[in-house]
Amino acid sequence: MPTSHLPIGLSKRPQTGPNRFGATLLNFFFVGLGYDYLGKWWGLLVLEIYLMLVLLGQLRFGAFLTFVILFPIMALFATQTYYMAKRESLLDRVSAWLPFHPCLEKKRRILKD
């Protein structure tokens, strides 16, 4: 929403979006919740797959070996979430200055998917 349509008290306040560090921590401990926090529809699907892998891995290999195997995967997902949130926050800052630029609109559609 453009700031010209907001009340004066709200338009002076700095606009914030989702916290990228919070999304990274969520995605590190519970792979998929960080995506859901960022508003991606597939976040809960990734979480369900991850929880199923944890369950099956614990039944097959035990708890310790399962988390040793899944730790690099958790770190990769957390790193990817951080950079995705960083890219989206940069896009939001640029779109605040150029809301109707046609090239920006095309990039916004590509990045949102």
Foldseek 3Di string as FASTA:
>chain_A
DALVPDPPVVSVDDDDAQDLVVLLVCCLVQNLVSCVSNPHPCSVVRSVVVVVQQVVCCVPPNNPVSCVVCNVVSNVSSVVSSVLVVVVVVLVVVCNVVVPDVVSVVVVVVSVD
